[in-house]
Amino acid sequence: MRHAFWIVVASMLALASDARVEASYCGAASYKCCSSEACAPCGDYCAAKSCCGTRYKKVRETVYEQKVVNRCRTVYDQVTEQYPVTCTRNVHETCYRDECYTVCKPVYQTCYRDVSCTVKKPCFQTCYKDVCCTIRKPCYQTCYRDVCCTIRKPCYQTCYRDVCCTVCKPVCETKYREVCCTTYRTETQTCYRDVCYTVCKPVCETKEVTVCTGDWVTETKQVPGPIVKKCISDPGTWGWNPLSNSCEYKQGCCHTACEQTCRTVTCRRWVPRTETRQVTCTRMEQEVRHCQQPYTVCRKIPETVVKQVPYTCVRYERHTVTKQVPYTTCSWTCETITKKVPYTTCSWTCETITKKVPYTTCSWTCETITKKVPYVTCTMTQEVRTRKVPYTTCRQVCETKMVCKTKCVPRQIVESEVVCVPRKICRKVPVQTACSSDPCQGGAIGVPGQCGH
């Protein structure tokens, strides 16, 4: 498919070169491929000067438009995967066991014995004697002498020389050509459409509702109480007492009787009843309404506009420029200078001094002393010790390692490529026509007449 596309493009380029017309859309023109015959004059300027009018002829041109083409391409990515591998390795371990052994350990003991001996003890004494001696002392002195020397000093000088060079100066010229292009004008129109919407409207209604209600009623009643035992006395009597010769009152007998008591109980009870009441309730009723809703309609109207498209031609003009190039010259000058060089002189002086020289005298004195002389006794004792004896054991350990493996994974990517697609357009080119008495001659310079030529 790609080879067929390039074949079609090559054939269209060949047709465009045969017609010797090359242009581009939107002002991107290229005149580099024009031949010398196309740029040469096609007629006599004096004959074409006397023109009778302007005619237009149609010229077919090939323009190239850029088009974005998406193509799929396979790309291989390297992917690294890790997978586990089980392997066995030997692990060496060092262990220790206890081992008993017997050693003979020497036990040293220091003892002392008294020993008498005679020693000679020196007695040192320091004495001084006067000694006269002659010494020489150096005496240093710094002097200066004049030394003449010649030095060379550089002398730098900057000079200039003229250098001619050729520079190319760009000259830009702006030219214009007419290009027909289509523009779009936007027209806006406001329209209306019928829109339905629903609103809720409250409606009040009165209805009878049966309500269960009641009243609290207070009641008082006598209820029997507990039985109470009472002591009741019989009525007494009056009698004559001959001893006191008077009337005395004699009480009656007492006996116990059970008596029933009563108590008053007050209680409240609810007495239900049914009533019919008038209740006002509100319900919402939906109502459908209509309204005119405006909306805007936009449309684009194409218009053909001829505009002047500028393009720039660059040409280079050569100029000869003379500029001053600096260079430096160096010359040496000799100069004699005098400087002071220091030197040191040494002279010796003799001096007699007296100094005290020490000397030591020694005298010996005998002395008897008793001293303790140490001696060492050794006894061997057996001792049982325990030591750690190392030994190596080997065991196998299973472990899992991660091994990396690389593989190629294909994936599709979409690439965008810009290609030039040729297209034929027609445009009118103005041609200046010259007046001629012969109708068989051409009506325009370089254009054949209408007599069958």
Protein backbone atom coordinates (compact mmCIF):
# COMPACT_ATOMS: atom_id res chain seq x y z
CA MET A 1 0.00 0.00 0.00
CA ARG A 2 2.87 2.36 0.85
CA HIS A 3 4.64 1.72 -2.49
CA ALA A 4 1.43 2.44 -4.41
CA PHE A 5 1.04 5.74 -2.56
CA TRP A 6 4.56 6.90 -3.49
CA ILE A 7 4.01 5.87 -7.15
CA VAL A 8 0.89 8.08 -7.30
CA VAL A 9 2.82 10.99 -5.75
CA ALA A 10 5.67 10.60 -8.28
CA SER A 11 3.24 10.59 -11.23
CA MET A 12 1.54 13.77 -10.00
CA LEU A 13 4.93 15.48 -9.60
CA ALA A 14 5.77 14.55 -13.20
CA LEU A 15 2.50 16.05 -14.44
CA ALA A 16 3.21 19.22 -12.48
CA SER A 17 6.71 19.51 -14.03
CA ASP A 18 5.28 19.06 -17.59
CA ALA A 19 2.83 21.88 -17.02
CA ARG A 20 5.75 24.01 -15.66
CA VAL A 21 3.46 25.51 -13.07
CA GLU A 22 4.39 25.12 -9.45
CA ALA A 23 2.56 26.84 -6.63
CA SER A 24 1.46 26.12 -3.17
CA TYR A 25 -1.63 26.84 -1.09
CA CYS A 26 -1.87 29.73 1.41
CA GLY A 27 1.16 31.59 0.03
CA ALA A 28 3.87 28.93 0.55
CA ALA A 29 5.27 29.33 -3.02
CA SER A 30 8.49 27.86 -4.39
CA TYR A 31 10.08 29.17 -7.65
CA LYS A 32 13.41 27.37 -7.35
CA CYS A 33 12.43 24.71 -9.91
CA CYS A 34 11.52 27.19 -12.70
CA SER A 35 13.53 26.75 -15.90
CA SER A 36 15.32 29.60 -17.66
CA GLU A 37 12.79 29.48 -20.53
CA ALA A 38 9.91 30.17 -18.12
CA CYS A 39 11.68 33.28 -16.79
CA ALA A 40 12.65 34.60 -20.27
CA PRO A 41 10.48 37.27 -21.98
CA CYS A 42 7.78 35.72 -24.17
CA GLY A 43 7.20 38.64 -26.59
CA ASP A 44 8.08 42.10 -27.70
CA TYR A 45 7.56 44.66 -24.95
CA CYS A 46 6.86 47.45 -27.48
CA ALA A 47 4.21 45.37 -29.26
CA ALA A 48 2.56 44.42 -25.96
CA LYS A 49 2.57 48.00 -24.72
CA SER A 50 -0.48 49.00 -26.81
CA CYS A 51 -3.12 46.77 -25.18
CA CYS A 52 -6.84 46.85 -25.87
CA GLY A 53 -8.11 45.05 -22.76
CA THR A 54 -7.59 42.35 -20.14
CA ARG A 55 -8.56 38.77 -20.66
CA TYR A 56 -8.54 35.89 -18.18
CA LYS A 57 -7.54 32.35 -18.82
CA LYS A 58 -7.87 29.35 -16.54
CA VAL A 59 -4.71 27.79 -15.20
CA ARG A 60 -4.67 24.42 -13.45
CA GLU A 61 -2.26 24.27 -10.57
CA THR A 62 -1.20 21.47 -8.31
CA VAL A 63 -1.20 22.29 -4.62
CA TYR A 64 -0.09 20.05 -1.80
CA GLU A 65 -2.01 19.75 1.40
CA GLN A 66 -0.60 18.25 4.55
CA LYS A 67 -2.47 15.26 5.93
CA VAL A 68 -1.79 13.37 9.13
CA VAL A 69 -1.69 9.57 8.64
CA ASN A 70 -1.66 7.20 11.63
CA ARG A 71 0.38 4.04 11.16
CA CYS A 72 0.82 1.12 13.55
CA ARG A 73 4.32 -0.17 14.31
CA THR A 74 5.36 -3.17 16.39
CA VAL A 75 7.90 -2.43 19.12
CA TYR A 76 9.54 -5.15 21.17
CA ASP A 77 10.16 -4.39 24.83
CA GLN A 78 12.56 -6.38 26.94
CA VAL A 79 10.82 -7.56 30.12
CA THR A 80 12.75 -9.12 32.97
CA GLU A 81 10.85 -11.70 35.00
CA GLN A 82 11.96 -13.37 38.19
CA TYR A 83 11.07 -17.00 38.90
CA PRO A 84 12.07 -19.10 41.94
CA VAL A 85 14.60 -21.95 41.72
CA THR A 86 15.06 -24.41 44.60
CA CYS A 87 18.63 -25.55 45.24
CA THR A 88 20.52 -27.32 48.01
CA ARG A 89 23.74 -26.08 49.59
CA ASN A 90 25.99 -27.51 52.27
CA VAL A 91 26.31 -25.58 55.51
CA HIS A 92 29.33 -26.31 57.66
CA GLU A 93 28.95 -25.67 61.36
CA THR A 94 31.60 -25.75 64.04
CA CYS A 95 30.53 -27.44 67.30
CA TYR A 96 32.40 -27.88 70.55
CA ARG A 97 32.57 -30.80 73.03
CA ASP A 98 34.00 -30.81 76.53
CA GLU A 99 37.19 -32.86 77.12
CA CYS A 100 38.84 -33.37 80.51
CA TYR A 101 42.62 -33.62 80.90
CA THR A 102 45.05 -33.62 83.83
CA VAL A 103 47.94 -31.21 84.11
CA CYS A 104 50.73 -30.90 86.67
CA LYS A 105 50.86 -27.43 87.99
CA PRO A 106 53.98 -26.21 89.79
CA VAL A 107 53.42 -24.30 93.00
CA TYR A 108 56.28 -21.93 93.80
CA GLN A 109 56.89 -20.65 97.33
CA THR A 110 59.43 -18.02 98.30
CA CYS A 111 61.34 -18.53 101.59
CA TYR A 112 63.95 -16.34 103.28
CA ARG A 113 67.18 -17.14 105.31
CA ASP A 114 69.44 -14.73 107.22
CA VAL A 115 72.98 -14.23 105.83
CA SER A 116 75.68 -12.03 107.51
CA CYS A 117 78.26 -10.35 105.27
CA THR A 118 80.79 -7.51 105.31
CA VAL A 119 80.48 -4.82 102.71
CA LYS A 120 82.68 -1.94 101.77
CA LYS A 121 80.78 1.23 101.35
CA PRO A 122 82.26 4.04 99.24
CA CYS A 123 82.07 7.63 100.47
CA PHE A 124 82.21 10.17 97.63
CA GLN A 125 83.13 13.86 98.16
CA THR A 126 83.11 16.62 95.50
CA CYS A 127 85.91 19.26 95.61
CA TYR A 128 86.64 22.26 93.36
CA LYS A 129 89.91 23.75 92.01
CA ASP A 130 90.56 27.02 90.11
CA VAL A 131 91.80 26.67 86.50
CA CYS A 132 92.81 29.63 84.26
CA CYS A 133 92.27 29.30 80.46
CA THR A 134 92.36 31.50 77.37
CA ILE A 135 89.43 31.48 74.91
CA ARG A 136 88.92 33.10 71.45
CA LYS A 137 85.65 34.83 70.67
CA PRO A 138 84.55 35.59 67.08
CA CYS A 139 83.41 39.15 66.23
CA TYR A 140 81.15 39.41 63.13
CA GLN A 141 80.60 42.65 61.10
CA THR A 142 78.35 43.26 58.06
CA CYS A 143 79.74 45.46 55.22
CA TYR A 144 78.37 46.53 51.81
CA ARG A 145 80.01 46.94 48.39
CA ASP A 146 78.66 48.48 45.16
CA VAL A 147 78.06 46.10 42.21
CA CYS A 148 77.12 47.33 38.68
CA CYS A 149 74.92 45.10 36.47
CA THR A 150 73.10 45.46 33.15
CA ILE A 151 69.45 44.45 32.71
CA ARG A 152 67.23 44.25 29.62
CA LYS A 153 63.73 45.72 29.71
CA PRO A 154 61.07 44.86 27.08
CA CYS A 155 59.28 47.75 25.32
CA TYR A 156 55.91 46.85 23.76
CA GLN A 157 54.25 48.94 20.99
CA THR A 158 50.87 48.41 19.33
CA CYS A 159 50.67 49.01 15.54
CA TYR A 160 47.82 48.68 13.05
CA ARG A 161 47.70 47.38 9.46
CA ASP A 162 44.88 47.60 6.91
CA VAL A 163 43.18 44.32 5.92
CA CYS A 164 40.63 44.11 3.09
CA CYS A 165 37.86 41.53 3.34
CA THR A 166 34.65 40.80 1.45
CA VAL A 167 31.33 40.52 3.29
CA CYS A 168 27.94 39.44 1.96
CA LYS A 169 25.08 41.65 3.09
CA PRO A 170 21.54 40.21 2.77
CA VAL A 171 18.92 42.43 1.06
CA CYS A 172 15.31 41.43 1.71
CA GLU A 173 12.54 42.35 -0.73
CA THR A 174 8.88 41.86 0.06
CA LYS A 175 6.54 41.00 -2.82
CA TYR A 176 2.83 40.29 -2.87
CA ARG A 177 0.60 37.92 -4.81
CA GLU A 178 -3.16 37.46 -4.83
CA VAL A 179 -4.56 34.33 -3.19
CA CYS A 180 -8.23 33.33 -3.14
CA CYS A 181 -9.32 31.83 0.15
CA THR A 182 -12.65 30.93 1.65
CA THR A 183 -13.72 32.39 4.95
CA TYR A 184 -16.77 31.57 6.97
CA ARG A 185 -19.09 34.11 8.51
CA THR A 186 -21.17 33.08 11.48
CA GLU A 187 -24.85 34.08 11.58
CA THR A 188 -26.82 33.74 14.77
CA GLN A 189 -30.61 33.26 14.83
CA THR A 190 -32.81 33.08 17.90
CA CYS A 191 -35.67 30.51 17.78
CA TYR A 192 -38.29 29.46 20.30
CA ARG A 193 -39.61 26.05 21.26
CA ASP A 194 -42.54 25.02 23.42
CA VAL A 195 -41.42 23.53 26.74
CA CYS A 196 -43.75 21.72 29.14
CA TYR A 197 -43.10 21.76 32.85
CA THR A 198 -45.05 20.56 35.88
CA VAL A 199 -45.86 22.66 38.96
CA CYS A 200 -47.47 21.55 42.23
CA LYS A 201 -50.44 23.60 43.52
CA PRO A 202 -51.80 23.20 47.09
CA VAL A 203 -55.54 22.34 47.51
CA CYS A 204 -57.24 22.63 50.95
CA GLU A 205 -60.04 20.16 51.89
CA THR A 206 -62.19 19.69 55.05
CA LYS A 207 -63.22 16.20 56.12
CA GLU A 208 -64.72 14.49 59.20
CA VAL A 209 -62.45 12.32 61.30
CA THR A 210 -63.53 9.98 64.10
CA VAL A 211 -61.34 10.55 67.16
CA CYS A 212 -61.21 8.27 70.19
CA THR A 213 -61.10 10.36 73.40
CA GLY A 214 -62.37 10.15 77.00
CA ASP A 215 -62.61 11.77 80.47
CA TRP A 216 -61.18 11.07 83.87
CA VAL A 217 -63.95 10.31 86.49
CA THR A 218 -63.25 10.46 90.28
CA GLU A 219 -65.18 7.81 92.40
CA THR A 220 -65.34 7.47 96.22
CA LYS A 221 -66.48 4.14 97.79
CA GLN A 222 -66.38 2.35 101.17
CA VAL A 223 -64.47 -0.88 101.38
CA PRO A 224 -64.26 -3.19 104.42
CA GLY A 225 -61.19 -2.78 106.56
CA PRO A 226 -59.40 -5.12 108.95
CA ILE A 227 -61.10 -6.74 111.97
CA VAL A 228 -60.14 -4.99 115.27
CA LYS A 229 -60.48 -6.55 118.77
CA LYS A 230 -62.03 -4.18 121.36
CA CYS A 231 -62.47 -4.45 125.11
CA ILE A 232 -66.16 -3.77 126.04
CA SER A 233 -67.29 -3.12 129.66
CA ASP A 234 -70.75 -3.99 130.80
CA PRO A 235 -72.72 -1.21 132.58
CA GLY A 236 -72.14 -1.03 136.33
CA THR A 237 -74.70 -1.07 139.15
CA TRP A 238 -75.22 0.95 142.36
CA GLY A 239 -75.49 -0.88 145.69
CA TRP A 240 -75.64 -0.23 149.47
CA ASN A 241 -72.55 -0.84 151.46
CA PRO A 242 -73.42 -1.48 155.06
CA LEU A 243 -69.87 -1.06 156.13
CA SER A 244 -69.59 2.46 154.89
CA ASN A 245 -73.28 3.06 155.26
CA SER A 246 -73.38 4.60 151.77
CA CYS A 247 -74.20 3.78 148.13
CA GLU A 248 -71.26 2.60 146.02
CA TYR A 249 -70.92 2.11 142.27
CA LYS A 250 -69.88 -1.31 141.14
CA GLN A 251 -68.31 -1.67 137.71
CA GLY A 252 -69.53 -4.18 135.16
CA CYS A 253 -67.57 -7.09 133.68
CA CYS A 254 -65.16 -6.59 130.78
CA HIS A 255 -65.08 -8.84 127.70
CA THR A 256 -63.37 -8.74 124.29
CA ALA A 257 -65.34 -8.35 121.03
CA CYS A 258 -64.21 -8.31 117.33
CA GLU A 259 -65.40 -5.36 115.27
CA GLN A 260 -65.30 -4.95 111.47
CA THR A 261 -63.79 -1.59 110.33
CA CYS A 262 -64.34 0.21 107.02
CA ARG A 263 -62.27 2.67 104.97
CA THR A 264 -63.03 5.16 102.26
CA VAL A 265 -61.16 4.68 98.87
CA THR A 266 -60.95 7.44 96.23
CA CYS A 267 -59.82 6.49 92.63
CA ARG A 268 -59.73 8.00 89.14
CA ARG A 269 -60.64 6.02 86.07
CA TRP A 270 -60.64 6.79 82.35
CA VAL A 271 -63.99 6.75 80.62
CA PRO A 272 -63.49 6.48 76.80
CA ARG A 273 -65.78 8.04 74.21
CA THR A 274 -65.82 8.60 70.43
CA GLU A 275 -66.07 12.07 68.83
CA THR A 276 -66.40 13.27 65.22
CA ARG A 277 -64.22 16.29 64.38
CA GLN A 278 -63.76 18.54 61.32
CA VAL A 279 -60.08 18.39 60.07
CA THR A 280 -58.59 20.65 57.36
CA CYS A 281 -55.89 18.97 55.23
CA THR A 282 -53.83 20.19 52.26
CA ARG A 283 -52.86 18.09 49.25
CA MET A 284 -50.65 18.97 46.27
CA GLU A 285 -52.05 18.73 42.77
CA GLN A 286 -49.74 18.68 39.73
CA GLU A 287 -50.46 21.08 36.91
CA VAL A 288 -48.80 21.04 33.47
CA ARG A 289 -47.86 24.45 32.07
CA HIS A 290 -46.32 25.60 28.79
CA CYS A 291 -43.69 28.26 28.10
CA GLN A 292 -41.65 29.49 25.17
CA GLN A 293 -37.92 28.79 25.67
CA PRO A 294 -35.49 30.62 23.36
CA TYR A 295 -32.48 28.87 21.79
CA THR A 296 -29.79 30.12 19.42
CA VAL A 297 -28.96 28.53 16.07
CA CYS A 298 -25.58 29.29 14.52
CA ARG A 299 -24.68 28.66 10.93
CA LYS A 300 -21.59 29.44 8.91
CA ILE A 301 -21.84 31.14 5.51
CA PRO A 302 -18.81 30.70 3.22
CA GLU A 303 -17.33 33.79 1.56
CA THR A 304 -14.56 34.00 -1.02
CA VAL A 305 -11.96 36.63 -0.25
CA VAL A 306 -8.98 37.66 -2.36
CA LYS A 307 -6.09 38.77 -0.19
CA GLN A 308 -2.57 39.90 -0.81
CA VAL A 309 -0.09 37.36 0.55
CA PRO A 310 3.41 38.74 1.12
CA TYR A 311 6.53 36.68 0.47
CA THR A 312 10.12 37.68 1.00
CA CYS A 313 12.99 37.28 -1.47
CA VAL A 314 16.51 37.47 -0.09
CA ARG A 315 19.54 38.33 -2.21
CA TYR A 316 23.09 38.91 -1.09
CA GLU A 317 25.27 41.85 -2.10
CA ARG A 318 29.04 41.71 -1.75
CA HIS A 319 30.92 44.64 -0.21
CA THR A 320 34.64 45.12 0.31
CA VAL A 321 35.43 46.35 3.81
CA THR A 322 38.81 47.63 5.04
CA LYS A 323 39.43 47.24 8.76
CA GLN A 324 42.35 48.01 11.07
CA VAL A 325 43.98 44.88 12.53
CA PRO A 326 46.19 45.58 15.57
CA TYR A 327 49.54 43.82 16.14
CA THR A 328 52.15 44.24 18.87
CA THR A 329 55.93 44.76 18.43
CA CYS A 330 58.49 44.19 21.15
CA SER A 331 61.94 45.86 21.45
CA TRP A 332 64.52 45.37 24.22
CA THR A 333 66.44 48.25 25.90
CA CYS A 334 69.58 47.80 28.03
CA GLU A 335 69.91 49.59 31.39
CA THR A 336 72.83 49.67 33.86
CA ILE A 337 71.94 49.73 37.57
CA THR A 338 74.08 49.79 40.74
CA LYS A 339 73.05 47.78 43.79
CA LYS A 340 74.62 47.19 47.22
CA VAL A 341 75.70 43.59 47.98
CA PRO A 342 76.18 42.76 51.71
CA TYR A 343 79.13 40.66 52.96
CA THR A 344 80.21 39.63 56.48
CA THR A 345 83.73 39.94 58.06
CA CYS A 346 84.89 37.95 61.08
CA SER A 347 87.68 38.91 63.59
CA TRP A 348 88.85 36.89 66.64
CA THR A 349 89.60 38.33 70.14
CA CYS A 350 91.49 36.50 72.96
CA GLU A 351 90.13 36.48 76.55
CA THR A 352 91.46 34.87 79.77
CA ILE A 353 88.87 33.42 82.17
CA THR A 354 89.07 31.53 85.52
CA LYS A 355 86.65 28.70 86.14
CA LYS A 356 86.11 26.17 88.93
CA VAL A 357 86.66 22.56 87.88
CA PRO A 358 84.97 19.95 90.11
CA TYR A 359 86.73 16.67 91.07
CA THR A 360 85.48 13.78 93.22
CA THR A 361 87.39 11.96 96.04
CA CYS A 362 86.39 8.45 97.20
CA SER A 363 87.08 6.73 100.58
CA TRP A 364 85.97 3.17 101.57
CA THR A 365 84.36 2.14 104.91
CA CYS A 366 83.74 -1.50 106.05
CA GLU A 367 80.29 -2.45 107.46
CA THR A 368 78.77 -5.77 108.58
CA ILE A 369 75.13 -6.26 107.57
CA THR A 370 72.56 -9.04 107.87
CA LYS A 371 70.25 -9.52 104.98
CA LYS A 372 67.46 -11.92 104.10
CA VAL A 373 68.29 -14.02 101.05
CA PRO A 374 65.19 -15.38 99.27
CA TYR A 375 65.05 -18.87 97.85
CA VAL A 376 62.21 -20.57 95.93
CA THR A 377 60.78 -24.01 96.61
CA CYS A 378 58.68 -25.80 93.99
CA THR A 379 56.01 -28.47 94.56
CA MET A 380 53.98 -30.14 91.76
CA THR A 381 50.16 -30.42 92.11
CA GLN A 382 47.83 -32.23 89.71
CA GLU A 383 44.82 -30.30 88.36
CA VAL A 384 41.92 -31.50 86.19
CA ARG A 385 40.92 -29.05 83.49
CA THR A 386 38.16 -28.97 80.86
CA ARG A 387 38.72 -27.67 77.37
CA LYS A 388 36.48 -27.14 74.34
CA VAL A 389 37.44 -29.37 71.40
CA PRO A 390 36.02 -28.09 68.06
CA TYR A 391 34.62 -30.44 65.45
CA THR A 392 32.85 -29.66 62.14
CA THR A 393 29.42 -30.93 61.09
CA CYS A 394 27.87 -30.63 57.66
CA ARG A 395 24.17 -30.29 56.88
CA GLN A 396 22.21 -29.55 53.70
CA VAL A 397 19.92 -26.52 53.55
CA CYS A 398 17.26 -26.04 50.90
CA GLU A 399 16.94 -22.45 49.72
CA THR A 400 15.00 -20.68 47.00
CA LYS A 401 16.75 -18.21 44.69
CA MET A 402 15.17 -15.74 42.30
CA VAL A 403 16.56 -16.10 38.77
CA CYS A 404 16.05 -13.27 36.28
CA LYS A 405 14.96 -14.16 32.77
CA THR A 406 14.66 -11.63 29.95
CA LYS A 407 12.13 -11.98 27.14
CA CYS A 408 10.81 -9.73 24.37
CA VAL A 409 7.18 -8.65 24.57
CA PRO A 410 5.66 -7.11 21.40
CA ARG A 411 3.38 -4.09 21.60
CA GLN A 412 1.74 -1.87 19.02
CA ILE A 413 2.38 1.86 18.93
CA VAL A 414 0.61 4.38 16.76
CA GLU A 415 2.80 6.90 14.94
CA SER A 416 1.52 9.99 13.23
CA GLU A 417 3.16 10.96 9.96
CA VAL A 418 2.52 14.08 7.94
CA VAL A 419 2.31 13.43 4.16
CA CYS A 420 1.70 15.84 1.31
CA VAL A 421 -1.37 15.02 -0.80
CA PRO A 422 -1.53 16.71 -4.25
CA ARG A 423 -4.74 18.42 -5.37
CA LYS A 424 -5.67 20.24 -8.58
CA ILE A 425 -7.11 23.73 -8.38
CA CYS A 426 -8.17 26.16 -11.10
CA ARG A 427 -7.63 29.90 -10.96
CA LYS A 428 -7.98 32.76 -13.43
CA VAL A 429 -4.85 34.57 -14.62
CA PRO A 430 -5.15 38.04 -16.24
CA VAL A 431 -3.53 38.27 -19.74
CA GLN A 432 -2.84 41.57 -21.47
CA THR A 433 -4.09 41.52 -25.12
CA ALA A 434 -2.64 43.75 -27.88
CA CYS A 435 -4.75 45.38 -30.65
CA SER A 436 -4.09 43.97 -34.12
CA SER A 437 -5.78 44.50 -37.47
CA ASP A 438 -5.29 40.88 -38.47
CA PRO A 439 -7.97 38.77 -36.78
CA CYS A 440 -5.92 35.64 -37.34
CA GLN A 441 -3.10 36.91 -35.15
CA GLY A 442 -3.03 36.00 -31.49
CA GLY A 443 -5.25 37.96 -29.13
CA ALA A 444 -2.56 37.84 -26.39
CA ILE A 445 1.17 37.69 -26.34
CA GLY A 446 2.27 34.11 -26.48
CA VAL A 447 -1.35 32.85 -26.92
CA PRO A 448 -2.47 31.27 -30.22
CA GLY A 449 -5.24 32.98 -32.24
CA GLN A 450 -8.66 31.66 -33.09
CA CYS A 451 -8.00 30.74 -36.76
CA GLY A 452 -7.25 27.14 -36.18
CA HIS A 453 -3.53 27.45 -35.39
